[in-house]
N, C-alpha and C. Protein backbone atom coordinates (compact mmCIF):
# COMPACT_ATOMS: atom_id res chain seq x y z
N MET A 1 -16.51 -22.50 37.03
CA MET A 1 -14.88 -21.94 36.71
C MET A 1 -15.46 -20.84 37.43
N THR A 2 -14.50 -19.96 37.99
CA THR A 2 -15.19 -18.37 38.14
C THR A 2 -13.88 -17.49 37.58
N GLY A 3 -13.60 -16.81 37.13
CA GLY A 3 -13.17 -15.55 36.17
C GLY A 3 -11.65 -15.51 37.19
N ALA A 4 -11.35 -15.15 38.36
CA ALA A 4 -10.79 -15.65 39.36
C ALA A 4 -9.31 -17.10 39.01
N ASP A 5 -10.39 -17.80 38.71
CA ASP A 5 -9.78 -19.43 38.90
C ASP A 5 -9.28 -19.63 37.61
N ARG A 6 -9.73 -18.87 36.60
CA ARG A 6 -9.57 -19.28 34.68
C ARG A 6 -7.64 -18.74 34.56
N ARG A 7 -7.35 -19.50 34.33
CA ARG A 7 -5.75 -18.94 33.70
C ARG A 7 -5.75 -19.08 32.01
N PRO A 8 -4.63 -17.72 31.83
CA PRO A 8 -5.00 -17.70 30.45
C PRO A 8 -4.33 -18.96 29.54
N THR A 9 -4.84 -18.93 28.24
CA THR A 9 -5.02 -19.67 27.51
C THR A 9 -3.24 -19.38 26.67
N GLU A 10 -2.82 -20.26 25.70
CA GLU A 10 -1.76 -19.98 25.07
C GLU A 10 -1.98 -18.99 24.19
N VAL A 11 -2.87 -19.13 23.59
CA VAL A 11 -3.39 -17.77 22.82
C VAL A 11 -3.20 -16.68 23.41
N GLU A 12 -3.78 -16.23 24.50
CA GLU A 12 -3.43 -14.74 25.56
C GLU A 12 -2.73 -14.96 25.68
N ARG A 13 -1.67 -15.62 26.09
CA ARG A 13 -0.34 -15.18 26.58
C ARG A 13 0.71 -14.90 25.41
N ALA A 14 0.05 -15.45 24.08
CA ALA A 14 1.11 -14.84 22.95
C ALA A 14 0.36 -13.81 22.31
N ARG A 15 -0.77 -13.45 22.58
CA ARG A 15 -0.91 -12.01 22.14
C ARG A 15 -0.69 -10.85 23.08
N ARG A 16 -0.56 -11.66 24.37
CA ARG A 16 0.28 -10.32 25.41
C ARG A 16 1.38 -10.16 24.88
N ARG A 17 2.46 -11.32 24.91
CA ARG A 17 3.83 -11.00 24.37
C ARG A 17 3.82 -10.29 23.24
N ARG A 18 3.35 -10.80 22.20
CA ARG A 18 3.20 -9.57 20.73
C ARG A 18 2.77 -7.91 21.18
N GLY A 19 2.25 -8.01 21.74
CA GLY A 19 1.18 -6.54 22.40
C GLY A 19 3.04 -5.86 23.32
N GLN A 20 3.16 -6.38 24.04
CA GLN A 20 4.93 -6.30 24.51
C GLN A 20 5.78 -6.06 23.70
N ARG A 21 5.82 -6.73 22.66
CA ARG A 21 7.09 -6.66 21.91
C ARG A 21 6.63 -5.05 20.92
N LEU A 22 5.61 -5.27 20.64
CA LEU A 22 5.13 -3.90 19.84
C LEU A 22 5.08 -2.76 20.71
N GLU A 23 5.22 -2.94 22.10
CA GLU A 23 5.31 -1.22 22.79
C GLU A 23 6.43 -1.10 23.06
N ALA A 24 7.29 -2.02 23.11
CA ALA A 24 9.06 -2.06 23.42
C ALA A 24 9.48 -1.13 21.65
N VAL A 25 8.53 -1.90 20.75
CA VAL A 25 9.08 -1.15 19.55
C VAL A 25 8.63 0.16 19.44
N LEU A 26 7.43 0.35 19.48
CA LEU A 26 7.15 1.95 19.90
C LEU A 26 7.57 3.03 20.83
N GLY A 27 8.47 2.20 21.78
CA GLY A 27 8.85 2.75 22.67
C GLY A 27 10.34 3.35 22.08
N PHE A 28 11.07 2.40 21.50
CA PHE A 28 12.46 2.82 20.28
C PHE A 28 12.32 3.72 19.28
N LEU A 29 11.26 3.57 18.64
CA LEU A 29 11.12 4.07 17.59
C LEU A 29 10.11 5.38 17.95
N GLY A 30 9.65 6.02 18.91
CA GLY A 30 9.39 7.20 19.68
C GLY A 30 10.41 7.84 19.88
N PHE A 31 11.53 7.26 20.62
CA PHE A 31 12.82 8.18 20.88
C PHE A 31 13.20 8.47 19.83
N PHE A 32 13.59 7.68 19.02
CA PHE A 32 14.56 8.12 17.73
C PHE A 32 13.79 9.08 16.96
N LEU A 33 12.22 9.31 17.10
CA LEU A 33 11.66 9.94 15.81
C LEU A 33 11.84 11.34 16.47
N VAL A 34 11.77 11.28 18.08
CA VAL A 34 12.11 12.87 18.57
C VAL A 34 12.88 13.29 18.65
N VAL A 35 14.11 12.39 18.45
CA VAL A 35 15.59 12.54 18.22
C VAL A 35 15.56 13.38 16.83
N THR A 36 15.22 12.89 15.95
CA THR A 36 15.34 13.07 14.31
C THR A 36 14.51 14.13 14.25
N VAL A 37 13.43 14.14 14.72
CA VAL A 37 12.82 15.93 14.89
C VAL A 37 13.35 16.87 15.15
N VAL A 38 14.14 16.82 16.26
CA VAL A 38 14.85 17.71 16.60
C VAL A 38 16.13 17.99 15.37
N ALA A 39 16.64 17.08 14.93
CA ALA A 39 17.67 17.34 13.97
C ALA A 39 17.42 17.64 13.09
N ALA A 40 16.74 17.53 12.61
CA ALA A 40 15.68 17.96 11.40
C ALA A 40 15.18 19.47 11.25
N VAL A 41 14.30 19.89 12.08
CA VAL A 41 14.05 21.45 13.01
C VAL A 41 15.44 22.31 12.88
N ARG A 42 16.51 21.52 13.61
CA ARG A 42 17.67 22.01 13.66
C ARG A 42 18.11 22.64 12.45
N ALA A 43 18.39 21.62 11.48
CA ALA A 43 19.26 21.34 10.19
C ALA A 43 18.59 22.86 9.05
N ILE A 44 17.02 22.67 9.53
CA ILE A 44 16.23 23.69 8.82
C ILE A 44 16.18 25.05 9.05
N VAL A 45 16.53 25.19 10.66
CA VAL A 45 16.91 26.59 11.04
C VAL A 45 17.83 27.21 10.83
N ILE A 46 18.95 26.50 10.91
CA ILE A 46 20.55 27.26 10.40
C ILE A 46 20.41 26.84 9.22
N GLY A 47 20.01 26.45 8.25
CA GLY A 47 19.89 26.44 7.41
C GLY A 47 20.76 25.33 6.54
N GLY A 48 21.35 24.44 6.80
CA GLY A 48 22.18 23.22 6.89
C GLY A 48 21.29 22.10 5.78
N PRO A 49 22.29 21.57 5.31
CA PRO A 49 21.42 20.22 4.69
C PRO A 49 20.61 19.77 6.09
N SER A 50 19.15 19.24 5.15
CA SER A 50 18.40 18.51 6.04
C SER A 50 17.95 17.85 5.35
N MET A 51 18.02 17.05 4.49
CA MET A 51 17.30 16.05 3.26
C MET A 51 17.40 14.90 3.90
N LEU A 52 18.49 14.06 4.23
CA LEU A 52 18.75 13.14 5.41
C LEU A 52 18.12 12.83 6.82
N ALA A 53 18.17 13.87 7.01
CA ALA A 53 16.80 14.32 8.76
C ALA A 53 15.61 13.74 8.10
N SER A 54 15.23 14.75 6.94
CA SER A 54 13.98 14.01 6.67
C SER A 54 13.32 13.23 6.42
N LEU A 55 14.46 12.48 5.33
CA LEU A 55 13.85 11.05 4.90
C LEU A 55 14.60 9.98 6.24
N ILE A 56 14.82 10.13 6.98
CA ILE A 56 15.33 9.41 8.17
C ILE A 56 14.01 9.64 8.93
N LEU A 57 13.83 10.97 8.80
CA LEU A 57 12.05 11.15 10.14
C LEU A 57 10.90 10.36 9.27
N LEU A 58 10.81 10.57 7.66
CA LEU A 58 10.04 10.06 7.25
C LEU A 58 9.81 8.45 7.28
N VAL A 59 10.67 7.64 7.56
CA VAL A 59 11.03 6.24 7.30
C VAL A 59 10.38 6.30 9.06
N LEU A 60 11.11 6.73 10.15
CA LEU A 60 10.78 6.28 11.48
C LEU A 60 8.70 6.85 11.42
N LEU A 61 8.34 7.53 10.93
CA LEU A 61 7.13 8.41 11.04
C LEU A 61 6.31 6.71 10.18
N ALA A 62 6.53 6.38 8.94
CA ALA A 62 6.00 5.05 8.58
C ALA A 62 5.72 3.75 9.42
N LEU A 63 7.19 3.93 10.03
CA LEU A 63 7.47 2.75 10.81
C LEU A 63 6.79 2.67 12.04
N THR A 64 6.44 4.04 12.60
CA THR A 64 5.87 4.05 14.22
C THR A 64 4.38 4.06 13.87
N GLY A 65 3.70 4.72 12.16
CA GLY A 65 2.55 4.09 12.10
C GLY A 65 2.32 3.14 11.81
N TRP A 66 3.01 1.95 11.34
CA TRP A 66 2.80 0.76 11.19
C TRP A 66 2.67 -0.52 12.31
N ALA A 67 4.01 -0.06 13.68
CA ALA A 67 3.60 -0.39 14.77
C ALA A 67 2.20 -0.16 15.97
N LEU A 68 1.94 1.39 15.59
CA LEU A 68 0.53 2.02 16.62
C LEU A 68 -0.30 1.23 15.62
N ARG A 69 -0.55 0.74 14.59
CA ARG A 69 -1.63 0.37 13.91
C ARG A 69 -1.70 -1.17 14.41
N GLU A 70 -0.42 -1.95 14.27
CA GLU A 70 -0.34 -3.19 14.98
C GLU A 70 -0.84 -3.24 16.09
N ARG A 71 -0.32 -2.17 16.82
CA ARG A 71 -0.58 -2.71 18.19
C ARG A 71 -2.05 -1.96 18.51
N LEU A 72 -2.93 -1.59 17.97
CA LEU A 72 -4.20 -1.23 18.33
C LEU A 72 -4.91 -2.48 18.04
N ARG A 73 -4.43 -3.27 16.48
CA ARG A 73 -4.90 -4.26 16.54
C ARG A 73 -4.81 -5.41 16.98
N SER A 74 -4.39 -5.77 17.76
CA SER A 74 -3.99 -6.73 18.65
C SER A 74 -4.59 -6.60 20.13
């Protein structure tokens, strides 16, 4: 059997689906991470309260790091 004739196994398909889900999560988190960075920087520059934006930024950074590590592992 050649490589072209080989069909993906269920394990390979599950791994691919997991990778696609993690990529979608990374895209979602990445978008909101950028929005939160802009909001936090804006709040700091204008002298407004930035604690909430900073906490949200910290949580998003942790989640993005986790999702990226999981994606690289799979």
